[in-house]
C-alpha cells in the first residue's frame, strides 16, 4: 500500500464509519496520546524500564499503526499529500546530510 492509498483508505473509513474527522486540535492531542503509548512500549521493551506484573508486553506494531492512522487523518484534513511531503523530506535530508553521518565517528 502506498501513502496515497493509505490516505484514501483512511478518508473512506472516516466518511463511512467515523461520521467526520475530529478537529485538527483533537487529532493532534490523540496523536500525542498514541505516541505516548508507543513510548511506553519502547521504554519497557528496549529501555531500562520493565513491564508491571500482568501488563501487556506486546503491541508495538499496533501502537505504530495507531500513530500512522492519526498522522494520515491529520494529513487528510489539512490537505497534505504525504507522498509529496515525504519525497521532499528525503531530498532535503539527502542534500543536507549526505556526508554528515558518513563522517560521524560516533556512528562508525
PDB file of N, CA and C in Angstrom:
ATOM      1  N   UNK A   1       0.849  -1.178   0.000  1.00  0.00           N
ATOM      2  CA  UNK A   1       0.000   0.000   0.000  1.00  0.00           C
ATOM      3  C   UNK A   1       0.894   1.241   0.000  1.00  0.00           C
ATOM      4  N   UNK A   2       0.573   2.173  -0.858  1.00  0.00           N
ATOM      5  CA  UNK A   2       1.320   3.431  -0.907  1.00  0.00           C
ATOM      6  C   UNK A   2       0.750   4.400   0.130  1.00  0.00           C
ATOM      7  N   UNK A   3       1.465   5.488   0.357  1.00  0.00           N
ATOM      8  CA  UNK A   3       0.944   6.525   1.250  1.00  0.00           C
ATOM      9  C   UNK A   3      -0.337   7.126   0.693  1.00  0.00           C
ATOM     10  N   UNK A   4      -0.375   7.339  -0.625  1.00  0.00           N
ATOM     11  CA  UNK A   4      -1.601   7.870  -1.243  1.00  0.00           C
ATOM     12  C   UNK A   4      -2.777   6.931  -0.996  1.00  0.00           C
ATOM     13  N   UNK A   5      -2.550   5.640  -1.181  1.00  0.00           N
ATOM     14  CA  UNK A   5      -3.614   4.663  -0.951  1.00  0.00           C
ATOM     15  C   UNK A   5      -4.038   4.641   0.510  1.00  0.00           C
ATOM     16  N   UNK A   6      -3.063   4.751   1.410  1.00  0.00           N
ATOM     17  CA  UNK A   6      -3.388   4.772   2.835  1.00  0.00           C
ATOM     18  C   UNK A   6      -4.221   5.996   3.185  1.00  0.00           C
ATOM     19  N   UNK A   7      -3.853   7.155   2.636  1.00  0.00           N
ATOM     20  CA  UNK A   7      -4.631   8.363   2.901  1.00  0.00           C
ATOM     21  C   UNK A   7      -6.060   8.203   2.386  1.00  0.00           C
ATOM     22  N   UNK A   8      -6.210   7.632   1.205  1.00  0.00           N
ATOM     23  CA  UNK A   8      -7.546   7.434   0.643  1.00  0.00           C
ATOM     24  C   UNK A   8      -8.352   6.433   1.467  1.00  0.00           C
ATOM     25  N   UNK A   9      -7.700   5.367   1.909  1.00  0.00           N
ATOM     26  CA  UNK A   9      -8.411   4.360   2.697  1.00  0.00           C
ATOM     27  C   UNK A   9      -8.884   4.924   4.035  1.00  0.00           C
ATOM     28  N   UNK A  10      -8.050   5.715   4.686  1.00  0.00           N
ATOM     29  CA  UNK A  10      -8.457   6.355   5.935  1.00  0.00           C
ATOM     30  C   UNK A  10      -9.623   7.296   5.682  1.00  0.00           C
ATOM     31  N   UNK A  11      -9.536   8.079   4.608  1.00  0.00           N
ATOM     32  CA  UNK A  11     -10.613   9.019   4.298  1.00  0.00           C
ATOM     33  C   UNK A  11     -11.931   8.286   4.035  1.00  0.00           C
ATOM     34  N   UNK A  12     -11.864   7.195   3.299  1.00  0.00           N
ATOM     35  CA  UNK A  12     -13.071   6.401   3.045  1.00  0.00           C
ATOM     36  C   UNK A  12     -13.640   5.839   4.351  1.00  0.00           C
ATOM     37  N   UNK A  13     -12.769   5.370   5.234  1.00  0.00           N
ATOM     38  CA  UNK A  13     -13.229   4.820   6.508  1.00  0.00           C
ATOM     39  C   UNK A  13     -13.903   5.903   7.344  1.00  0.00           C
ATOM     40  N   UNK A  14     -13.281   7.056   7.415  1.00  0.00           N
ATOM     41  CA  UNK A  14     -13.859   8.167   8.191  1.00  0.00           C
ATOM     42  C   UNK A  14     -15.234   8.525   7.635  1.00  0.00           C
ATOM     43  N   UNK A  15     -15.346   8.650   6.342  1.00  0.00           N
ATOM     44  CA  UNK A  15     -16.620   9.036   5.727  1.00  0.00           C
ATOM     45  C   UNK A  15     -17.683   7.948   5.862  1.00  0.00           C
ATOM     46  N   UNK A  16     -17.272   6.678   5.929  1.00  0.00           N
ATOM     47  CA  UNK A  16     -18.215   5.567   6.033  1.00  0.00           C
ATOM     48  C   UNK A  16     -18.602   5.270   7.473  1.00  0.00           C
ATOM     49  N   UNK A  17     -17.614   5.229   8.368  1.00  0.00           N
ATOM     50  CA  UNK A  17     -17.858   4.785   9.746  1.00  0.00           C
ATOM     51  C   UNK A  17     -17.626   5.855  10.801  1.00  0.00           C
ATOM     52  N   UNK A  18     -16.821   6.835  10.494  1.00  0.00           N
ATOM     53  CA  UNK A  18     -16.432   7.805  11.501  1.00  0.00           C
ATOM     54  C   UNK A  18     -17.269   9.064  11.538  1.00  0.00           C
ATOM     55  N   UNK A  19     -18.214   9.197  10.649  1.00  0.00           N
ATOM     56  CA  UNK A  19     -19.086  10.368  10.508  1.00  0.00           C
ATOM     57  C   UNK A  19     -18.294  11.562   9.970  1.00  0.00           C
ATOM     58  N   UNK A  20     -17.268  11.968  10.691  1.00  0.00           N
ATOM     59  CA  UNK A  20     -16.415  13.086  10.253  1.00  0.00           C
ATOM     60  C   UNK A  20     -15.093  12.986  11.002  1.00  0.00           C
ATOM     61  N   UNK A  21     -14.115  13.746  10.542  1.00  0.00           N
ATOM     62  CA  UNK A  21     -12.838  13.812  11.251  1.00  0.00           C
ATOM     63  C   UNK A  21     -13.044  14.575  12.556  1.00  0.00           C
ATOM     64  N   UNK A  22     -12.332  14.163  13.603  1.00  0.00           N
ATOM     65  CA  UNK A  22     -12.226  15.034  14.770  1.00  0.00           C
ATOM     66  C   UNK A  22     -11.491  16.280  14.301  1.00  0.00           C
ATOM     67  N   UNK A  23     -11.662  17.408  14.997  1.00  0.00           N
ATOM     68  CA  UNK A  23     -10.959  18.603  14.534  1.00  0.00           C
ATOM     69  C   UNK A  23      -9.445  18.429  14.693  1.00  0.00           C
ATOM     70  N   UNK A  24      -8.715  19.309  14.053  1.00  0.00           N
ATOM     71  CA  UNK A  24      -7.253  19.195  13.997  1.00  0.00           C
ATOM     72  C   UNK A  24      -6.610  19.199  15.384  1.00  0.00           C
ATOM     73  N   UNK A  25      -7.125  20.030  16.266  1.00  0.00           N
ATOM     74  CA  UNK A  25      -6.551  20.083  17.613  1.00  0.00           C
ATOM     75  C   UNK A  25      -6.814  18.784  18.368  1.00  0.00           C
ATOM     76  N   UNK A  26      -8.009  18.251  18.246  1.00  0.00           N
ATOM     77  CA  UNK A  26      -8.324  16.978  18.892  1.00  0.00           C
ATOM     78  C   UNK A  26      -7.435  15.870  18.330  1.00  0.00           C
ATOM     79  N   UNK A  27      -7.282  15.827  17.022  1.00  0.00           N
ATOM     80  CA  UNK A  27      -6.425  14.797  16.432  1.00  0.00           C
ATOM     81  C   UNK A  27      -4.963  14.965  16.826  1.00  0.00           C
ATOM     82  N   UNK A  28      -4.510  16.198  17.010  1.00  0.00           N
ATOM     83  CA  UNK A  28      -3.148  16.413  17.495  1.00  0.00           C
ATOM     84  C   UNK A  28      -2.995  15.861  18.909  1.00  0.00           C
ATOM     85  N   UNK A  29      -3.973  16.097  19.751  1.00  0.00           N
ATOM     86  CA  UNK A  29      -3.939  15.557  21.111  1.00  0.00           C
ATOM     87  C   UNK A  29      -3.972  14.028  21.085  1.00  0.00           C
ATOM     88  N   UNK A  30      -4.792  13.459  20.202  1.00  0.00           N
ATOM     89  CA  UNK A  30      -4.853  11.998  20.071  1.00  0.00           C
ATOM     90  C   UNK A  30      -3.502  11.463  19.590  1.00  0.00           C
ATOM     91  N   UNK A  31      -2.861  12.187  18.677  1.00  0.00           N
ATOM     92  CA  UNK A  31      -1.538  11.781  18.205  1.00  0.00           C
ATOM     93  C   UNK A  31      -0.544  11.739  19.363  1.00  0.00           C
ATOM     94  N   UNK A  32      -0.570  12.757  20.205  1.00  0.00           N
ATOM     95  CA  UNK A  32       0.338  12.788  21.361  1.00  0.00           C
ATOM     96  C   UNK A  32       0.066  11.603  22.290  1.00  0.00           C
ATOM     97  N   UNK A  33      -1.205  11.289  22.474  1.00  0.00           N
ATOM     98  CA  UNK A  33      -1.588  10.140  23.304  1.00  0.00           C
ATOM     99  C   UNK A  33      -1.034   8.843  22.716  1.00  0.00           C
ATOM    100  N   UNK A  34      -1.196   8.667  21.410  1.00  0.00           N
ATOM    101  CA  UNK A  34      -0.716   7.446  20.758  1.00  0.00           C
ATOM    102  C   UNK A  34       0.805   7.361  20.794  1.00  0.00           C
ATOM    103  N   UNK A  35       1.492   8.481  20.605  1.00  0.00           N
ATOM    104  CA  UNK A  35       2.954   8.488  20.690  1.00  0.00           C
ATOM    105  C   UNK A  35       3.392   8.134  22.115  1.00  0.00           C
ATOM    106  N   UNK A  36       2.649   8.600  23.112  1.00  0.00           N
ATOM    107  CA  UNK A  36       2.951   8.241  24.493  1.00  0.00           C
ATOM    108  C   UNK A  36       2.804   6.746  24.732  1.00  0.00           C
ATOM    109  N   UNK A  37       1.779   6.137  24.168  1.00  0.00           N
ATOM    110  CA  UNK A  37       1.590   4.697  24.307  1.00  0.00           C
ATOM    111  C   UNK A  37       2.724   3.945  23.619  1.00  0.00           C
ATOM    112  N   UNK A  38       3.158   4.438  22.466  1.00  0.00           N
ATOM    113  CA  UNK A  38       4.295   3.847  21.774  1.00  0.00           C
ATOM    114  C   UNK A  38       5.567   3.992  22.610  1.00  0.00           C
ATOM    115  N   UNK A  39       5.771   5.165  23.178  1.00  0.00           N
ATOM    116  CA  UNK A  39       6.957   5.416  24.006  1.00  0.00           C
ATOM    117  C   UNK A  39       6.993   4.489  25.220  1.00  0.00           C
ATOM    118  N   UNK A  40       5.856   4.228  25.803  1.00  0.00           N
ATOM    119  CA  UNK A  40       5.775   3.328  26.960  1.00  0.00           C
ATOM    120  C   UNK A  40       6.271   1.931  26.579  1.00  0.00           C
ATOM    121  N   UNK A  41       5.809   1.424  25.445  1.00  0.00           N
ATOM    122  CA  UNK A  41       6.239   0.102  24.993  1.00  0.00           C
ATOM    123  C   UNK A  41       7.736   0.107  24.672  1.00  0.00           C
ATOM    124  N   UNK A  42       8.203   1.136  24.008  1.00  0.00           N
ATOM    125  CA  UNK A  42       9.626   1.217  23.654  1.00  0.00           C
ATOM    126  C   UNK A  42      10.505   1.266  24.903  1.00  0.00           C
ATOM    127  N   UNK A  43      10.094   2.050  25.901  1.00  0.00           N
ATOM    128  CA  UNK A  43      10.883   2.180  27.132  1.00  0.00           C
ATOM    129  C   UNK A  43      10.970   0.863  27.885  1.00  0.00           C
ATOM    130  N   UNK A  44       9.901   0.072  27.819  1.00  0.00           N
ATOM    131  CA  UNK A  44       9.876  -1.190  28.550  1.00  0.00           C
ATOM    132  C   UNK A  44      10.500  -2.339  27.751  1.00  0.00           C
ATOM    133  N   UNK A  45      10.448  -2.251  26.440  1.00  0.00           N
ATOM    134  CA  UNK A  45      10.997  -3.312  25.602  1.00  0.00           C
ATOM    135  C   UNK A  45      12.484  -3.100  25.328  1.00  0.00           C
ATOM    136  N   UNK A  46      12.880  -1.853  25.061  1.00  0.00           N
ATOM    137  CA  UNK A  46      14.257  -1.582  24.653  1.00  0.00           C
ATOM    138  C   UNK A  46      15.021  -0.719  25.651  1.00  0.00           C
ATOM    139  N   UNK A  47      14.326  -0.128  26.597  1.00  0.00           N
ATOM    140  CA  UNK A  47      14.971   0.730  27.582  1.00  0.00           C
ATOM    141  C   UNK A  47      15.124   0.034  28.924  1.00  0.00           C
ATOM    142  N   UNK A  48      15.348   0.812  29.933  1.00  0.00           N
ATOM    143  CA  UNK A  48      15.615   0.275  31.262  1.00  0.00           C
ATOM    144  C   UNK A  48      14.366  -0.023  32.071  1.00  0.00           C
ATOM    145  N   UNK A  49      13.222   0.502  31.664  1.00  0.00           N
ATOM    146  CA  UNK A  49      12.011   0.222  32.427  1.00  0.00           C
ATOM    147  C   UNK A  49      11.546  -1.202  32.190  1.00  0.00           C
ATOM    148  N   UNK A  50      10.780  -1.720  33.124  1.00  0.00           N
ATOM    149  CA  UNK A  50      10.237  -3.071  32.969  1.00  0.00           C
ATOM    150  C   UNK A  50       8.714  -2.992  32.971  1.00  0.00           C
ATOM    151  N   UNK A  51       8.110  -4.026  32.411  1.00  0.00           N
ATOM    152  CA  UNK A  51       6.660  -4.122  32.429  1.00  0.00           C
ATOM    153  C   UNK A  51       6.203  -4.465  33.842  1.00  0.00           C
ATOM    154  N   UNK A  52       5.055  -3.933  34.222  1.00  0.00           N
ATOM    155  CA  UNK A  52       4.452  -4.286  35.501  1.00  0.00           C
ATOM    156  C   UNK A  52       3.884  -5.689  35.397  1.00  0.00           C
ATOM    157  N   UNK A  53       3.747  -6.353  36.514  1.00  0.00           N
ATOM    158  CA  UNK A  53       3.189  -7.694  36.514  1.00  0.00           C
ATOM    159  C   UNK A  53       1.794  -7.669  35.891  1.00  0.00           C
ATOM    160  N   UNK A  54       1.572  -8.546  34.924  1.00  0.00           N
ATOM    161  CA  UNK A  54       0.294  -8.624  34.245  1.00  0.00           C
ATOM    162  C   UNK A  54       0.111  -7.621  33.118  1.00  0.00           C
ATOM    163  N   UNK A  55       1.059  -6.706  32.942  1.00  0.00           N
ATOM    164  CA  UNK A  55       0.951  -5.695  31.889  1.00  0.00           C
ATOM    165  C   UNK A  55       1.229  -6.322  30.527  1.00  0.00           C
ATOM    166  N   UNK A  56       0.479  -5.917  29.528  1.00  0.00           N
ATOM    167  CA  UNK A  56       0.633  -6.423  28.159  1.00  0.00           C
ATOM    168  C   UNK A  56       2.032  -6.103  27.639  1.00  0.00           C
ATOM    169  N   UNK A  57       2.737  -7.118  27.147  1.00  0.00           N
ATOM    170  CA  UNK A  57       4.103  -6.928  26.673  1.00  0.00           C
ATOM    171  C   UNK A  57       4.188  -6.770  25.164  1.00  0.00           C
ATOM    172  N   UNK A  58       3.099  -7.011  24.463  1.00  0.00           N
ATOM    173  CA  UNK A  58       3.093  -6.833  23.023  1.00  0.00           C
ATOM    174  C   UNK A  58       2.415  -5.516  22.673  1.00  0.00           C
ATOM    175  N   UNK A  59       2.308  -5.278  21.409  1.00  0.00           N
ATOM    176  CA  UNK A  59       1.559  -4.110  20.982  1.00  0.00           C
ATOM    177  C   UNK A  59       2.363  -3.086  20.217  1.00  0.00           C
ATOM    178  N   UNK A  60       3.642  -3.345  19.956  1.00  0.00           N
ATOM    179  CA  UNK A  60       4.460  -2.374  19.235  1.00  0.00           C
ATOM    180  C   UNK A  60       3.874  -2.086  17.852  1.00  0.00           C
ATOM    181  N   UNK A  61       3.558  -3.132  17.103  1.00  0.00           N
ATOM    182  CA  UNK A  61       3.021  -2.906  15.756  1.00  0.00           C
ATOM    183  C   UNK A  61       1.679  -2.179  15.824  1.00  0.00           C
ATOM    184  N   UNK A  62       0.866  -2.520  16.806  1.00  0.00           N
ATOM    185  CA  UNK A  62      -0.435  -1.860  16.970  1.00  0.00           C
ATOM    186  C   UNK A  62      -0.266  -0.374  17.268  1.00  0.00           C
ATOM    187  N   UNK A  63       0.659  -0.049  18.151  1.00  0.00           N
ATOM    188  CA  UNK A  63       0.864   1.360  18.515  1.00  0.00           C
ATOM    189  C   UNK A  63       1.474   2.147  17.361  1.00  0.00           C
ATOM    190  N   UNK A  64       2.405   1.538  16.611  1.00  0.00           N
ATOM    191  CA  UNK A  64       2.947   2.218  15.441  1.00  0.00           C
ATOM    192  C   UNK A  64       1.845   2.487  14.423  1.00  0.00           C
ATOM    193  N   UNK A  65       0.966   1.514  14.218  1.00  0.00           N
ATOM    194  CA  UNK A  65      -0.143   1.693  13.284  1.00  0.00           C
ATOM    195  C   UNK A  65      -1.121   2.761  13.776  1.00  0.00           C
ATOM    196  N   UNK A  66      -1.343   2.829  15.090  1.00  0.00           N
ATOM    197  CA  UNK A  66      -2.220   3.875  15.632  1.00  0.00           C
ATOM    198  C   UNK A  66      -1.645   5.265  15.374  1.00  0.00           C
ATOM    199  N   UNK A  67      -0.321   5.410  15.544  1.00  0.00           N
ATOM    200  CA  UNK A  67       0.338   6.692  15.261  1.00  0.00           C
ATOM    201  C   UNK A  67       0.174   7.038  13.780  1.00  0.00           C
ATOM    202  N   UNK A  68       0.405   6.051  12.922  1.00  0.00           N
ATOM    203  CA  UNK A  68       0.261   6.276  11.482  1.00  0.00           C
ATOM    204  C   UNK A  68      -1.166   6.677  11.119  1.00  0.00           C
ATOM    205  N   UNK A  69      -2.146   6.018  11.725  1.00  0.00           N
ATOM    206  CA  UNK A  69      -3.555   6.330  11.459  1.00  0.00           C
ATOM    207  C   UNK A  69      -3.846   7.813  11.722  1.00  0.00           C
ATOM    208  N   UNK A  70      -3.428   8.291  12.872  1.00  0.00           N
ATOM    209  CA  UNK A  70      -3.731   9.685  13.224  1.00  0.00           C
ATOM    210  C   UNK A  70      -2.936  10.641  12.339  1.00  0.00           C
ATOM    211  N   UNK A  71      -1.707  10.288  11.990  1.00  0.00           N
ATOM    212  CA  UNK A  71      -0.946  11.123  11.057  1.00  0.00           C
ATOM    213  C   UNK A  71      -1.652  11.218   9.706  1.00  0.00           C
ATOM    214  N   UNK A  72      -2.183  10.082   9.251  1.00  0.00           N
ATOM    215  CA  UNK A  72      -2.926  10.082   7.990  1.00  0.00           C
ATOM    216  C   UNK A  72      -4.179  10.949   8.098  1.00  0.00           C
ATOM    217  N   UNK A  73      -4.862  10.868   9.226  1.00  0.00           N
ATOM    218  CA  UNK A  73      -6.037  11.722   9.443  1.00  0.00           C
ATOM    219  C   UNK A  73      -5.656  13.197   9.373  1.00  0.00           C
ATOM    220  N   UNK A  74      -4.597  13.566  10.085  1.00  0.00           N
ATOM    221  CA  UNK A  74      -4.171  14.968  10.100  1.00  0.00           C
ATOM    222  C   UNK A  74      -3.754  15.437   8.706  1.00  0.00           C
ATOM    223  N   UNK A  75      -3.058  14.578   7.980  1.00  0.00           N
ATOM    224  CA  UNK A  75      -2.668  14.945   6.613  1.00  0.00           C
ATOM    225  C   UNK A  75      -3.897  15.168   5.746  1.00  0.00           C
ATOM    226  N   UNK A  76      -4.851  14.264   5.843  1.00  0.00           N
ATOM    227  CA  UNK A  76      -6.073  14.402   5.035  1.00  0.00           C
ATOM    228  C   UNK A  76      -6.810  15.688   5.343  1.00  0.00           C
ATOM    229  N   UNK A  77      -7.005  15.968   6.606  1.00  0.00           N
ATOM    230  CA  UNK A  77      -7.849  17.105   6.940  1.00  0.00           C
ATOM    231  C   UNK A  77      -7.141  18.445   6.773  1.00  0.00           C
ATOM    232  N   UNK A  78      -5.818  18.430   6.624  1.00  0.00           N
ATOM    233  CA  UNK A  78      -5.090  19.681   6.405  1.00  0.00           C
ATOM    234  C   UNK A  78      -4.611  19.817   4.964  1.00  0.00           C
ATOM    235  N   UNK A  79      -4.974  18.843   4.114  1.00  0.00           N
ATOM    236  CA  UNK A  79      -4.638  18.924   2.704  1.00  0.00           C
ATOM    237  C   UNK A  79      -3.194  18.600   2.362  1.00  0.00           C
ATOM    238  N   UNK A  80      -2.522  17.847   3.220  1.00  0.00           N
ATOM    239  CA  UNK A  80      -1.128  17.480   2.964  1.00  0.00           C
ATOM    240  C   UNK A  80      -1.079  16.153   2.207  1.00  0.00           C
ATOM    241  N   UNK A  81      -0.381  16.144   1.087  1.00  0.00           N
ATOM    242  CA  UNK A  81      -0.126  14.911   0.351  1.00  0.00           C
ATOM    243  C   UNK A  81       1.157  14.324   0.942  1.00  0.00           C
ATOM    244  N   UNK A  82       1.029  13.246   1.701  1.00  0.00           N
ATOM    245  CA  UNK A  82       2.180  12.694   2.404  1.00  0.00           C
ATOM    246  C   UNK A  82       3.227  12.113   1.462  1.00  0.00           C
ATOM    247  N   UNK A  83       2.825  11.633   0.306  1.00  0.00           N
ATOM    248  CA  UNK A  83       3.810  11.137  -0.660  1.00  0.00           C
ATOM    249  C   UNK A  83       4.727  12.271  -1.087  1.00  0.00           C
ATOM    250  N   UNK A  84       4.140  13.386  -1.485  1.00  0.00           N
ATOM    251  CA  UNK A  84       4.934  14.538  -1.898  1.00  0.00           C
ATOM    252  C   UNK A  84       5.769  15.078  -0.744  1.00  0.00           C
ATOM    253  N   UNK A  85       5.161  15.167   0.441  1.00  0.00           N
ATOM    254  CA  UNK A  85       5.878  15.695   1.607  1.00  0.00           C
ATOM    255  C   UNK A  85       7.047  14.795   1.990  1.00  0.00           C
ATOM    256  N   UNK A  86       6.834  13.479   1.943  1.00  0.00           N
ATOM    257  CA  UNK A  86       7.895  12.541   2.312  1.00  0.00           C
ATOM    258  C   UNK A  86       9.028  12.559   1.293  1.00  0.00           C
ATOM    259  N   UNK A  87       8.675  12.618   0.014  1.00  0.00           N
ATOM    260  CA  UNK A  87       9.702  12.716  -1.025  1.00  0.00           C
ATOM    261  C   UNK A  87      10.529  13.989  -0.855  1.00  0.00           C
ATOM    262  N   UNK A  88       9.887  15.091  -0.515  1.00  0.00           N
ATOM    263  CA  UNK A  88      10.601  16.352  -0.282  1.00  0.00           C
ATOM    264  C   UNK A  88      11.516  16.241   0.933  1.00  0.00           C
ATOM    265  N   UNK A  89      11.059  15.532   1.958  1.00  0.00           N
ATOM    266  CA  UNK A  89      11.875  15.354   3.159  1.00  0.00           C
ATOM    267  C   UNK A  89      13.110  14.508   2.862  1.00  0.00           C
ATOM    268  N   UNK A  90      12.934  13.447   2.075  1.00  0.00           N
ATOM    269  CA  UNK A  90      14.084  12.619   1.703  1.00  0.00           C
ATOM    270  C   UNK A  90      15.095  13.453   0.922  1.00  0.00           C
ATOM    271  N   UNK A  91      14.609  14.253  -0.014  1.00  0.00           N
ATOM    272  CA  UNK A  91      15.502  15.108  -0.795  1.00  0.00           C
ATOM    273  C   UNK A  91      16.224  16.110   0.111  1.00  0.00           C
ATOM    274  N   UNK A  92      15.485  16.740   1.026  1.00  0.00           N
ATOM    275  CA  UNK A  92      16.074  17.716   1.941  1.00  0.00           C
ATOM    276  C   UNK A  92      17.156  17.063   2.796  1.00  0.00           C
ATOM    277  N   UNK A  93      16.863  15.908   3.383  1.00  0.00           N
ATOM    278  CA  UNK A  93      17.822  15.224   4.239  1.00  0.00           C
ATOM    279  C   UNK A  93      19.039  14.749   3.456  1.00  0.00           C
ATOM    280  N   UNK A  94      18.826  14.301   2.220  1.00  0.00           N
ATOM    281  CA  UNK A  94      19.939  13.849   1.399  1.00  0.00           C
ATOM    282  C   UNK A  94      20.875  15.012   1.094  1.00  0.00           C
ATOM    283  N   UNK A  95      20.320  16.137   0.694  1.00  0.00           N
ATOM    284  CA  UNK A  95      21.151  17.311   0.399  1.00  0.00           C
ATOM    285  C   UNK A  95      21.883  17.802   1.640  1.00  0.00           C
ATOM    286  N   UNK A  96      21.192  17.821   2.756  1.00  0.00           N
ATOM    287  CA  UNK A  96      21.758  18.365   3.985  1.00  0.00           C
ATOM    288  C   UNK A  96      22.721  17.395   4.663  1.00  0.00           C
ATOM    289  N   UNK A  97      22.419  16.106   4.625  1.00  0.00           N
ATOM    290  CA  UNK A  97      23.130  15.154   5.475  1.00  0.00           C
ATOM    291  C   UNK A  97      23.908  14.082   4.720  1.00  0.00           C
ATOM    292  N   UNK A  98      24.067  14.216   3.399  1.00  0.00           N
ATOM    293  CA  UNK A  98      24.671  13.119   2.635  1.00  0.00           C
ATOM    294  C   UNK A  98      26.096  12.801   3.085  1.00  0.00           C
ATOM    295  N   UNK A  99      26.816  13.741   3.625  1.00  0.00           N
ATOM    296  CA  UNK A  99      28.180  13.492   4.124  1.00  0.00           C
ATOM    297  C   UNK A  99      28.246  13.463   5.650  1.00  0.00           C
ATOM    298  N   UNK A 100      27.335  14.150   6.278  1.00  0.00           N
ATOM    299  CA  UNK A 100      27.390  14.345   7.727  1.00  0.00           C
ATOM    300  C   UNK A 100      27.463  13.042   8.498  1.00  0.00           C
ATOM    301  N   UNK A 101      26.564  12.113   8.224  1.00  0.00           N
ATOM    302  CA  UNK A 101      26.518  10.877   9.002  1.00  0.00           C
ATOM    303  C   UNK A 101      27.671   9.939   8.633  1.00  0.00           C
ATOM    304  N   UNK A 102      28.099   9.974   7.389  1.00  0.00           N
ATOM    305  CA  UNK A 102      29.233   9.148   6.976  1.00  0.00           C
ATOM    306  C   UNK A 102      30.520   9.577   7.659  1.00  0.00           C
ATOM    307  N   UNK A 103      30.599  10.839   8.057  1.00  0.00           N
ATOM    308  CA  UNK A 103      31.795  11.371   8.698  1.00  0.00           C
ATOM    309  C   UNK A 103      31.666  11.448  10.220  1.00  0.00           C
ATOM    310  N   UNK A 104      30.584  10.924  10.770  1.00  0.00           N
ATOM    311  CA  UNK A 104      30.339  10.976  12.211  1.00  0.00           C
ATOM    312  C   UNK A 104      31.014   9.774  12.875  1.00  0.00           C
ATOM    313  N   UNK A 105      32.088  10.018  13.591  1.00  0.00           N
ATOM    314  CA  UNK A 105      32.825   8.937  14.266  1.00  0.00           C
ATOM    315  C   UNK A 105      31.989   8.207  15.291  1.00  0.00           C
ATOM    316  N   UNK A 106      30.971   8.830  15.793  1.00  0.00           N
ATOM    317  CA  UNK A 106      30.102   8.186  16.777  1.00  0.00           C
ATOM    318  C   UNK A 106      29.277   7.072  16.149  1.00  0.00           C
ATOM    319  N   UNK A 107      29.099   7.128  14.830  1.00  0.00           N
ATOM    320  CA  UNK A 107      28.290   6.118  14.143  1.00  0.00           C
ATOM    321  C   UNK A 107      29.128   4.992  13.558  1.00  0.00           C
ATOM    322  N   UNK A 108      30.427   5.173  13.538  1.00  0.00           N
ATOM    323  CA  UNK A 108      31.311   4.153  12.940  1.00  0.00           C
ATOM    324  C   UNK A 108      31.691   3.105  13.966  1.00  0.00           C
TER     325      UNK A 108
END
